[in-house]
Amino acid sequence: MKLSIFFFLFLIPCICLSDKLFLNEKIQKNFEQKYIKNEKSFSSGSMGIGLVRSFETKGKKICIYNTVKEQIKKSLNLKLTLDCPLTLDN
């Protein structure tokens, strides 16, 4: 009896709402399919430092770099540049 009450009160709502829990992930994938173009991944230098990913979205070139402390995202005008610099110094 207690098991059936537990089943109806806890497990059934979890099963019914499981697709709602992953909605953010679906939105992210949908956004990437629509707006991200020309995505490239790079093998970064020693210890994973340097340019790791670049892509184009809404007239901008986005460059993602790994540094020792953090990950840095740099936005460039697509009309002015076609490629991301390999390091942040450039």
PDB file of N, CA and C in Angstrom:
ATOM      1  N   MET A   1       0.827  -1.195   0.000  1.00  0.00           N
ATOM      2  CA  MET A   1       0.000   0.000   0.000  1.00  0.00           C
ATOM      3  C   MET A   1       0.869   1.256   0.000  1.00  0.00           C
ATOM      4  N   LYS A   2       1.849   1.297   0.903  1.00  0.00           N
ATOM      5  CA  LYS A   2       2.714   2.476   0.974  1.00  0.00           C
ATOM      6  C   LYS A   2       3.544   2.616  -0.293  1.00  0.00           C
ATOM      7  N   LEU A   3       3.945   1.492  -0.848  1.00  0.00           N
ATOM      8  CA  LEU A   3       4.733   1.532  -2.071  1.00  0.00           C
ATOM      9  C   LEU A   3       3.923   2.084  -3.243  1.00  0.00           C
ATOM     10  N   SER A   4       2.681   1.709  -3.335  1.00  0.00           N
ATOM     11  CA  SER A   4       1.849   2.217  -4.429  1.00  0.00           C
ATOM     12  C   SER A   4       1.573   3.714  -4.275  1.00  0.00           C
ATOM     13  N   ILE A   5       1.408   4.173  -3.051  1.00  0.00           N
ATOM     14  CA  ILE A   5       1.220   5.614  -2.815  1.00  0.00           C
ATOM     15  C   ILE A   5       2.486   6.370  -3.202  1.00  0.00           C
ATOM     16  N   PHE A   6       3.634   5.827  -2.811  1.00  0.00           N
ATOM     17  CA  PHE A   6       4.912   6.438  -3.179  1.00  0.00           C
ATOM     18  C   PHE A   6       5.050   6.502  -4.699  1.00  0.00           C
ATOM     19  N   PHE A   7       4.685   5.427  -5.356  1.00  0.00           N
ATOM     20  CA  PHE A   7       4.782   5.349  -6.807  1.00  0.00           C
ATOM     21  C   PHE A   7       3.949   6.438  -7.474  1.00  0.00           C
ATOM     22  N   PHE A   8       2.730   6.595  -7.045  1.00  0.00           N
ATOM     23  CA  PHE A   8       1.849   7.584  -7.667  1.00  0.00           C
ATOM     24  C   PHE A   8       2.208   9.021  -7.296  1.00  0.00           C
ATOM     25  N   LEU A   9       2.677   9.229  -6.093  1.00  0.00           N
ATOM     26  CA  LEU A   9       2.971  10.596  -5.665  1.00  0.00           C
ATOM     27  C   LEU A   9       4.342  11.087  -6.110  1.00  0.00           C
ATOM     28  N   PHE A  10       5.268  10.192  -6.307  1.00  0.00           N
ATOM     29  CA  PHE A  10       6.625  10.630  -6.609  1.00  0.00           C
ATOM     30  C   PHE A  10       7.094  10.243  -8.012  1.00  0.00           C
ATOM     31  N   LEU A  11       6.984   8.994  -8.363  1.00  0.00           N
ATOM     32  CA  LEU A  11       7.565   8.535  -9.620  1.00  0.00           C
ATOM     33  C   LEU A  11       6.786   8.971 -10.850  1.00  0.00           C
ATOM     34  N   ILE A  12       5.498   8.940 -10.806  1.00  0.00           N
ATOM     35  CA  ILE A  12       4.705   9.324 -11.984  1.00  0.00           C
ATOM     36  C   ILE A  12       4.922  10.799 -12.339  1.00  0.00           C
ATOM     37  N   PRO A  13       4.895  11.737 -11.389  1.00  0.00           N
ATOM     38  CA  PRO A  13       5.193  13.127 -11.776  1.00  0.00           C
ATOM     39  C   PRO A  13       6.612  13.292 -12.323  1.00  0.00           C
ATOM     40  N   CYS A  14       7.566  12.551 -11.786  1.00  0.00           N
ATOM     41  CA  CYS A  14       8.937  12.643 -12.298  1.00  0.00           C
ATOM     42  C   CYS A  14       9.013  12.171 -13.739  1.00  0.00           C
ATOM     43  N   ILE A  15       8.330  11.101 -14.043  1.00  0.00           N
ATOM     44  CA  ILE A  15       8.340  10.575 -15.407  1.00  0.00           C
ATOM     45  C   ILE A  15       7.621  11.535 -16.354  1.00  0.00           C
ATOM     46  N   CYS A  16       6.514  12.080 -15.927  1.00  0.00           N
ATOM     47  CA  CYS A  16       5.742  12.987 -16.780  1.00  0.00           C
ATOM     48  C   CYS A  16       6.463  14.307 -17.017  1.00  0.00           C
ATOM     49  N   LEU A  17       7.231  14.769 -16.051  1.00  0.00           N
ATOM     50  CA  LEU A  17       7.897  16.064 -16.162  1.00  0.00           C
ATOM     51  C   LEU A  17       9.353  15.952 -16.583  1.00  0.00           C
ATOM     52  N   SER A  18       9.831  14.763 -16.902  1.00  0.00           N
ATOM     53  CA  SER A  18      11.248  14.597 -17.223  1.00  0.00           C
ATOM     54  C   SER A  18      11.649  15.397 -18.459  1.00  0.00           C
ATOM     55  N   ASP A  19      10.787  15.510 -19.455  1.00  0.00           N
ATOM     56  CA  ASP A  19      11.128  16.303 -20.634  1.00  0.00           C
ATOM     57  C   ASP A  19      11.221  17.787 -20.305  1.00  0.00           C
ATOM     58  N   LYS A  20      10.484  18.251 -19.324  1.00  0.00           N
ATOM     59  CA  LYS A  20      10.554  19.656 -18.914  1.00  0.00           C
ATOM     60  C   LYS A  20      11.868  19.966 -18.201  1.00  0.00           C
ATOM     61  N   LEU A  21      12.443  18.974 -17.535  1.00  0.00           N
ATOM     62  CA  LEU A  21      13.692  19.186 -16.816  1.00  0.00           C
ATOM     63  C   LEU A  21      14.853  19.432 -17.769  1.00  0.00           C
ATOM     64  N   PHE A  22      14.777  18.885 -18.974  1.00  0.00           N
ATOM     65  CA  PHE A  22      15.856  19.025 -19.934  1.00  0.00           C
ATOM     66  C   PHE A  22      15.524  20.040 -21.021  1.00  0.00           C
ATOM     67  N   LEU A  23      14.592  20.925 -20.774  1.00  0.00           N
ATOM     68  CA  LEU A  23      14.163  21.915 -21.757  1.00  0.00           C
ATOM     69  C   LEU A  23      15.291  22.880 -22.105  1.00  0.00           C
ATOM     70  N   ASN A  24      16.077  23.299 -21.109  1.00  0.00           N
ATOM     71  CA  ASN A  24      17.172  24.231 -21.344  1.00  0.00           C
ATOM     72  C   ASN A  24      18.182  23.637 -22.317  1.00  0.00           C
ATOM     73  N   GLU A  25      18.458  22.349 -22.185  1.00  0.00           N
ATOM     74  CA  GLU A  25      19.390  21.688 -23.088  1.00  0.00           C
ATOM     75  C   GLU A  25      18.848  21.674 -24.512  1.00  0.00           C
ATOM     76  N   LYS A  26      17.547  21.463 -24.669  1.00  0.00           N
ATOM     77  CA  LYS A  26      16.933  21.458 -25.996  1.00  0.00           C
ATOM     78  C   LYS A  26      16.985  22.845 -26.623  1.00  0.00           C
ATOM     79  N   ILE A  27      16.759  23.878 -25.837  1.00  0.00           N
ATOM     80  CA  ILE A  27      16.826  25.251 -26.343  1.00  0.00           C
ATOM     81  C   ILE A  27      18.240  25.560 -26.810  1.00  0.00           C
ATOM     82  N   GLN A  28      19.234  25.144 -26.039  1.00  0.00           N
ATOM     83  CA  GLN A  28      20.629  25.384 -26.400  1.00  0.00           C
ATOM     84  C   GLN A  28      20.973  24.707 -27.729  1.00  0.00           C
ATOM     85  N   LYS A  29      20.574  23.461 -27.914  1.00  0.00           N
ATOM     86  CA  LYS A  29      20.866  22.754 -29.161  1.00  0.00           C
ATOM     87  C   LYS A  29      20.130  23.393 -30.333  1.00  0.00           C
ATOM     88  N   ASN A  30      18.900  23.831 -30.116  1.00  0.00           N
ATOM     89  CA  ASN A  30      18.126  24.483 -31.166  1.00  0.00           C
ATOM     90  C   ASN A  30      18.786  25.795 -31.575  1.00  0.00           C
ATOM     91  N   PHE A  31      19.262  26.561 -30.601  1.00  0.00           N
ATOM     92  CA  PHE A  31      19.952  27.820 -30.883  1.00  0.00           C
ATOM     93  C   PHE A  31      21.201  27.560 -31.711  1.00  0.00           C
ATOM     94  N   GLU A  32      21.980  26.542 -31.316  1.00  0.00           N
ATOM     95  CA  GLU A  32      23.211  26.242 -32.035  1.00  0.00           C
ATOM     96  C   GLU A  32      22.930  25.815 -33.468  1.00  0.00           C
ATOM     97  N   GLN A  33      21.890  25.054 -33.690  1.00  0.00           N
ATOM     98  CA  GLN A  33      21.573  24.607 -35.042  1.00  0.00           C
ATOM     99  C   GLN A  33      21.126  25.769 -35.921  1.00  0.00           C
ATOM    100  N   LYS A  34      20.438  26.740 -35.365  1.00  0.00           N
ATOM    101  CA  LYS A  34      19.918  27.859 -36.160  1.00  0.00           C
ATOM    102  C   LYS A  34      20.961  28.940 -36.422  1.00  0.00           C
ATOM    103  N   TYR A  35      21.700  29.339 -35.403  1.00  0.00           N
ATOM    104  CA  TYR A  35      22.484  30.562 -35.493  1.00  0.00           C
ATOM    105  C   TYR A  35      23.991  30.373 -35.589  1.00  0.00           C
ATOM    106  N   ILE A  36      24.528  29.257 -35.164  1.00  0.00           N
ATOM    107  CA  ILE A  36      25.975  29.073 -35.185  1.00  0.00           C
ATOM    108  C   ILE A  36      26.379  28.454 -36.515  1.00  0.00           C
ATOM    109  N   LYS A  37      27.316  29.130 -37.180  1.00  0.00           N
ATOM    110  CA  LYS A  37      27.799  28.669 -38.480  1.00  0.00           C
ATOM    111  C   LYS A  37      29.322  28.616 -38.461  1.00  0.00           C
ATOM    112  N   ASN A  38      29.868  27.809 -39.334  1.00  0.00           N
ATOM    113  CA  ASN A  38      31.315  27.721 -39.538  1.00  0.00           C
ATOM    114  C   ASN A  38      32.055  27.477 -38.220  1.00  0.00           C
ATOM    115  N   GLU A  39      31.590  26.513 -37.463  1.00  0.00           N
ATOM    116  CA  GLU A  39      32.212  26.210 -36.174  1.00  0.00           C
ATOM    117  C   GLU A  39      33.480  25.394 -36.390  1.00  0.00           C
ATOM    118  N   LYS A  40      34.553  25.800 -35.705  1.00  0.00           N
ATOM    119  CA  LYS A  40      35.836  25.095 -35.795  1.00  0.00           C
ATOM    120  C   LYS A  40      36.371  24.856 -34.388  1.00  0.00           C
ATOM    121  N   SER A  41      36.977  23.702 -34.208  1.00  0.00           N
ATOM    122  CA  SER A  41      37.659  23.389 -32.956  1.00  0.00           C
ATOM    123  C   SER A  41      39.143  23.275 -33.254  1.00  0.00           C
ATOM    124  N   PHE A  42      39.957  23.729 -32.315  1.00  0.00           N
ATOM    125  CA  PHE A  42      41.398  23.735 -32.498  1.00  0.00           C
ATOM    126  C   PHE A  42      42.052  22.940 -31.382  1.00  0.00           C
ATOM    127  N   SER A  43      43.152  22.285 -31.732  1.00  0.00           N
ATOM    128  CA  SER A  43      43.931  21.646 -30.674  1.00  0.00           C
ATOM    129  C   SER A  43      44.860  22.720 -30.133  1.00  0.00           C
ATOM    130  N   SER A  44      44.672  23.050 -28.884  1.00  0.00           N
ATOM    131  CA  SER A  44      45.428  24.145 -28.295  1.00  0.00           C
ATOM    132  C   SER A  44      46.831  23.680 -27.943  1.00  0.00           C
ATOM    133  N   GLY A  45      47.666  24.628 -27.636  1.00  0.00           N
ATOM    134  CA  GLY A  45      49.074  24.366 -27.358  1.00  0.00           C
ATOM    135  C   GLY A  45      49.297  23.618 -26.060  1.00  0.00           C
ATOM    136  N   SER A  46      50.446  23.842 -25.496  1.00  0.00           N
ATOM    137  CA  SER A  46      50.823  23.119 -24.280  1.00  0.00           C
ATOM    138  C   SER A  46      49.851  23.430 -23.149  1.00  0.00           C
ATOM    139  N   MET A  47      49.476  22.437 -22.423  1.00  0.00           N
ATOM    140  CA  MET A  47      48.569  22.538 -21.271  1.00  0.00           C
ATOM    141  C   MET A  47      47.184  23.066 -21.666  1.00  0.00           C
ATOM    142  N   GLY A  48      46.810  22.979 -22.926  1.00  0.00           N
ATOM    143  CA  GLY A  48      45.477  23.393 -23.347  1.00  0.00           C
ATOM    144  C   GLY A  48      45.275  24.891 -23.392  1.00  0.00           C
ATOM    145  N   ILE A  49      46.347  25.641 -23.548  1.00  0.00           N
ATOM    146  CA  ILE A  49      46.264  27.103 -23.560  1.00  0.00           C
ATOM    147  C   ILE A  49      46.245  27.590 -25.001  1.00  0.00           C
ATOM    148  N   GLY A  50      45.364  28.539 -25.296  1.00  0.00           N
ATOM    149  CA  GLY A  50      45.276  29.118 -26.629  1.00  0.00           C
ATOM    150  C   GLY A  50      43.869  29.010 -27.197  1.00  0.00           C
ATOM    151  N   LEU A  51      43.757  29.213 -28.499  1.00  0.00           N
ATOM    152  CA  LEU A  51      42.470  29.166 -29.184  1.00  0.00           C
ATOM    153  C   LEU A  51      41.946  27.732 -29.190  1.00  0.00           C
ATOM    154  N   VAL A  52      40.709  27.545 -28.714  1.00  0.00           N
ATOM    155  CA  VAL A  52      40.137  26.199 -28.674  1.00  0.00           C
ATOM    156  C   VAL A  52      38.898  26.059 -29.559  1.00  0.00           C
ATOM    157  N   ARG A  53      38.190  27.156 -29.821  1.00  0.00           N
ATOM    158  CA  ARG A  53      36.957  27.064 -30.604  1.00  0.00           C
ATOM    159  C   ARG A  53      36.656  28.414 -31.234  1.00  0.00           C
ATOM    160  N   SER A  54      36.095  28.383 -32.438  1.00  0.00           N
ATOM    161  CA  SER A  54      35.631  29.612 -33.079  1.00  0.00           C
ATOM    162  C   SER A  54      34.372  29.297 -33.871  1.00  0.00           C
ATOM    163  N   PHE A  55      33.503  30.293 -33.985  1.00  0.00           N
ATOM    164  CA  PHE A  55      32.284  30.142 -34.774  1.00  0.00           C
ATOM    165  C   PHE A  55      31.748  31.511 -35.140  1.00  0.00           C
ATOM    166  N   GLU A  56      30.836  31.518 -36.112  1.00  0.00           N
ATOM    167  CA  GLU A  56      30.203  32.757 -36.565  1.00  0.00           C
ATOM    168  C   GLU A  56      28.749  32.749 -36.135  1.00  0.00           C
ATOM    169  N   THR A  57      28.274  33.891 -35.658  1.00  0.00           N
ATOM    170  CA  THR A  57      26.876  34.035 -35.285  1.00  0.00           C
ATOM    171  C   THR A  57      26.463  35.495 -35.395  1.00  0.00           C
ATOM    172  N   LYS A  58      25.390  35.742 -36.097  1.00  0.00           N
ATOM    173  CA  LYS A  58      24.778  37.071 -36.218  1.00  0.00           C
ATOM    174  C   LYS A  58      25.786  38.158 -36.604  1.00  0.00           C
ATOM    175  N   GLY A  59      26.615  37.909 -37.603  1.00  0.00           N
ATOM    176  CA  GLY A  59      27.561  38.905 -38.093  1.00  0.00           C
ATOM    177  C   GLY A  59      28.794  39.086 -37.248  1.00  0.00           C
ATOM    178  N   LYS A  60      29.028  38.209 -36.289  1.00  0.00           N
ATOM    179  CA  LYS A  60      30.208  38.303 -35.432  1.00  0.00           C
ATOM    180  C   LYS A  60      30.986  37.003 -35.477  1.00  0.00           C
ATOM    181  N   LYS A  61      32.285  37.118 -35.301  1.00  0.00           N
ATOM    182  CA  LYS A  61      33.159  35.955 -35.172  1.00  0.00           C
ATOM    183  C   LYS A  61      33.488  35.829 -33.688  1.00  0.00           C
ATOM    184  N   ILE A  62      33.151  34.693 -33.091  1.00  0.00           N
ATOM    185  CA  ILE A  62      33.394  34.448 -31.675  1.00  0.00           C
ATOM    186  C   ILE A  62      34.597  33.526 -31.551  1.00  0.00           C
ATOM    187  N   CYS A  63      35.573  33.947 -30.763  1.00  0.00           N
ATOM    188  CA  CYS A  63      36.786  33.162 -30.530  1.00  0.00           C
ATOM    189  C   CYS A  63      36.846  32.823 -29.043  1.00  0.00           C
ATOM    190  N   ILE A  64      37.053  31.564 -28.728  1.00  0.00           N
ATOM    191  CA  ILE A  64      37.118  31.126 -27.336  1.00  0.00           C
ATOM    192  C   ILE A  64      38.527  30.626 -27.060  1.00  0.00           C
ATOM    193  N   TYR A  65      39.145  31.215 -26.036  1.00  0.00           N
ATOM    194  CA  TYR A  65      40.516  30.899 -25.666  1.00  0.00           C
ATOM    195  C   TYR A  65      40.562  30.313 -24.260  1.00  0.00           C
ATOM    196  N   ASN A  66      41.459  29.379 -24.051  1.00  0.00           N
ATOM    197  CA  ASN A  66      41.759  28.891 -22.708  1.00  0.00           C
ATOM    198  C   ASN A  66      43.038  29.563 -22.241  1.00  0.00           C
ATOM    199  N   THR A  67      43.017  30.062 -21.014  1.00  0.00           N
ATOM    200  CA  THR A  67      44.217  30.601 -20.391  1.00  0.00           C
ATOM    201  C   THR A  67      44.495  29.793 -19.131  1.00  0.00           C
ATOM    202  N   VAL A  68      45.538  30.167 -18.420  1.00  0.00           N
ATOM    203  CA  VAL A  68      45.871  29.447 -17.194  1.00  0.00           C
ATOM    204  C   VAL A  68      44.765  29.625 -16.161  1.00  0.00           C
ATOM    205  N   LYS A  69      44.197  30.815 -16.081  1.00  0.00           N
ATOM    206  CA  LYS A  69      43.210  31.110 -15.041  1.00  0.00           C
ATOM    207  C   LYS A  69      41.766  30.864 -15.464  1.00  0.00           C
ATOM    208  N   GLU A  70      41.422  31.143 -16.726  1.00  0.00           N
ATOM    209  CA  GLU A  70      40.010  31.125 -17.109  1.00  0.00           C
ATOM    210  C   GLU A  70      39.841  30.898 -18.607  1.00  0.00           C
ATOM    211  N   GLN A  71      38.601  30.834 -19.024  1.00  0.00           N
ATOM    212  CA  GLN A  71      38.266  30.759 -20.443  1.00  0.00           C
ATOM    213  C   GLN A  71      37.769  32.137 -20.868  1.00  0.00           C
ATOM    214  N   ILE A  72      38.305  32.653 -21.967  1.00  0.00           N
ATOM    215  CA  ILE A  72      37.978  34.002 -22.429  1.00  0.00           C
ATOM    216  C   ILE A  72      37.284  33.913 -23.784  1.00  0.00           C
ATOM    217  N   LYS A  73      36.177  34.656 -23.923  1.00  0.00           N
ATOM    218  CA  LYS A  73      35.437  34.721 -25.180  1.00  0.00           C
ATOM    219  C   LYS A  73      35.652  36.102 -25.780  1.00  0.00           C
ATOM    220  N   LYS A  74      36.126  36.133 -27.015  1.00  0.00           N
ATOM    221  CA  LYS A  74      36.403  37.383 -27.706  1.00  0.00           C
ATOM    222  C   LYS A  74      35.476  37.485 -28.913  1.00  0.00           C
ATOM    223  N   SER A  75      34.827  38.623 -29.081  1.00  0.00           N
ATOM    224  CA  SER A  75      33.900  38.838 -30.183  1.00  0.00           C
ATOM    225  C   SER A  75      34.533  39.800 -31.189  1.00  0.00           C
ATOM    226  N   LEU A  76      34.595  39.382 -32.450  1.00  0.00           N
ATOM    227  CA  LEU A  76      35.192  40.201 -33.503  1.00  0.00           C
ATOM    228  C   LEU A  76      34.152  40.493 -34.577  1.00  0.00           C
ATOM    229  N   ASN A  77      34.322  41.612 -35.268  1.00  0.00           N
ATOM    230  CA  ASN A  77      33.429  41.963 -36.368  1.00  0.00           C
ATOM    231  C   ASN A  77      33.760  41.080 -37.564  1.00  0.00           C
ATOM    232  N   LEU A  78      32.783  40.380 -38.082  1.00  0.00           N
ATOM    233  CA  LEU A  78      32.992  39.429 -39.171  1.00  0.00           C
ATOM    234  C   LEU A  78      33.415  40.125 -40.462  1.00  0.00           C
ATOM    235  N   LYS A  79      33.018  41.380 -40.644  1.00  0.00           N
ATOM    236  CA  LYS A  79      33.388  42.104 -41.862  1.00  0.00           C
ATOM    237  C   LYS A  79      34.863  42.490 -41.860  1.00  0.00           C
ATOM    238  N   LEU A  80      35.453  42.646 -40.666  1.00  0.00           N
ATOM    239  CA  LEU A  80      36.842  43.084 -40.571  1.00  0.00           C
ATOM    240  C   LEU A  80      37.836  41.932 -40.509  1.00  0.00           C
ATOM    241  N   THR A  81      37.428  40.793 -40.003  1.00  0.00           N
ATOM    242  CA  THR A  81      38.354  39.670 -39.858  1.00  0.00           C
ATOM    243  C   THR A  81      37.663  38.357 -40.196  1.00  0.00           C
ATOM    244  N   LEU A  82      38.407  37.451 -40.788  1.00  0.00           N
ATOM    245  CA  LEU A  82      37.857  36.146 -41.137  1.00  0.00           C
ATOM    246  C   LEU A  82      38.299  35.055 -40.172  1.00  0.00           C
ATOM    247  N   ASP A  83      39.507  35.197 -39.628  1.00  0.00           N
ATOM    248  CA  ASP A  83      40.049  34.169 -38.745  1.00  0.00           C
ATOM    249  C   ASP A  83      40.399  34.746 -37.385  1.00  0.00           C
ATOM    250  N   CYS A  84      40.305  33.907 -36.383  1.00  0.00           N
ATOM    251  CA  CYS A  84      40.697  34.295 -35.029  1.00  0.00           C
ATOM    252  C   CYS A  84      42.209  34.199 -34.898  1.00  0.00           C
ATOM    253  N   PRO A  85      42.825  35.124 -34.155  1.00  0.00           N
ATOM    254  CA  PRO A  85      44.250  34.967 -33.860  1.00  0.00           C
ATOM    255  C   PRO A  85      44.462  33.715 -33.006  1.00  0.00           C
ATOM    256  N   LEU A  86      45.565  33.019 -33.208  1.00  0.00           N
ATOM    257  CA  LEU A  86      45.811  31.784 -32.465  1.00  0.00           C
ATOM    258  C   LEU A  86      46.076  32.035 -30.989  1.00  0.00           C
ATOM    259  N   THR A  87      46.598  33.220 -30.655  1.00  0.00           N
ATOM    260  CA  THR A  87      46.833  33.565 -29.248  1.00  0.00           C
ATOM    261  C   THR A  87      46.149  34.882 -28.935  1.00  0.00           C
ATOM    262  N   LEU A  88      45.995  35.180 -27.677  1.00  0.00           N
ATOM    263  CA  LEU A  88      45.360  36.438 -27.267  1.00  0.00           C
ATOM    264  C   LEU A  88      46.261  37.642 -27.502  1.00  0.00           C
ATOM    265  N   ASP A  89      47.552  37.438 -27.656  1.00  0.00           N
ATOM    266  CA  ASP A  89      48.487  38.547 -27.845  1.00  0.00           C
ATOM    267  C   ASP A  89      48.274  39.249 -29.176  1.00  0.00           C
ATOM    268  N   ASN A  90      47.848  38.508 -30.194  1.00  0.00           N
ATOM    269  CA  ASN A  90      47.688  39.085 -31.541  1.00  0.00           C
ATOM    270  C   ASN A  90      46.499  39.997 -31.622  1.00  0.00           C
TER     271      ASN A  90
END
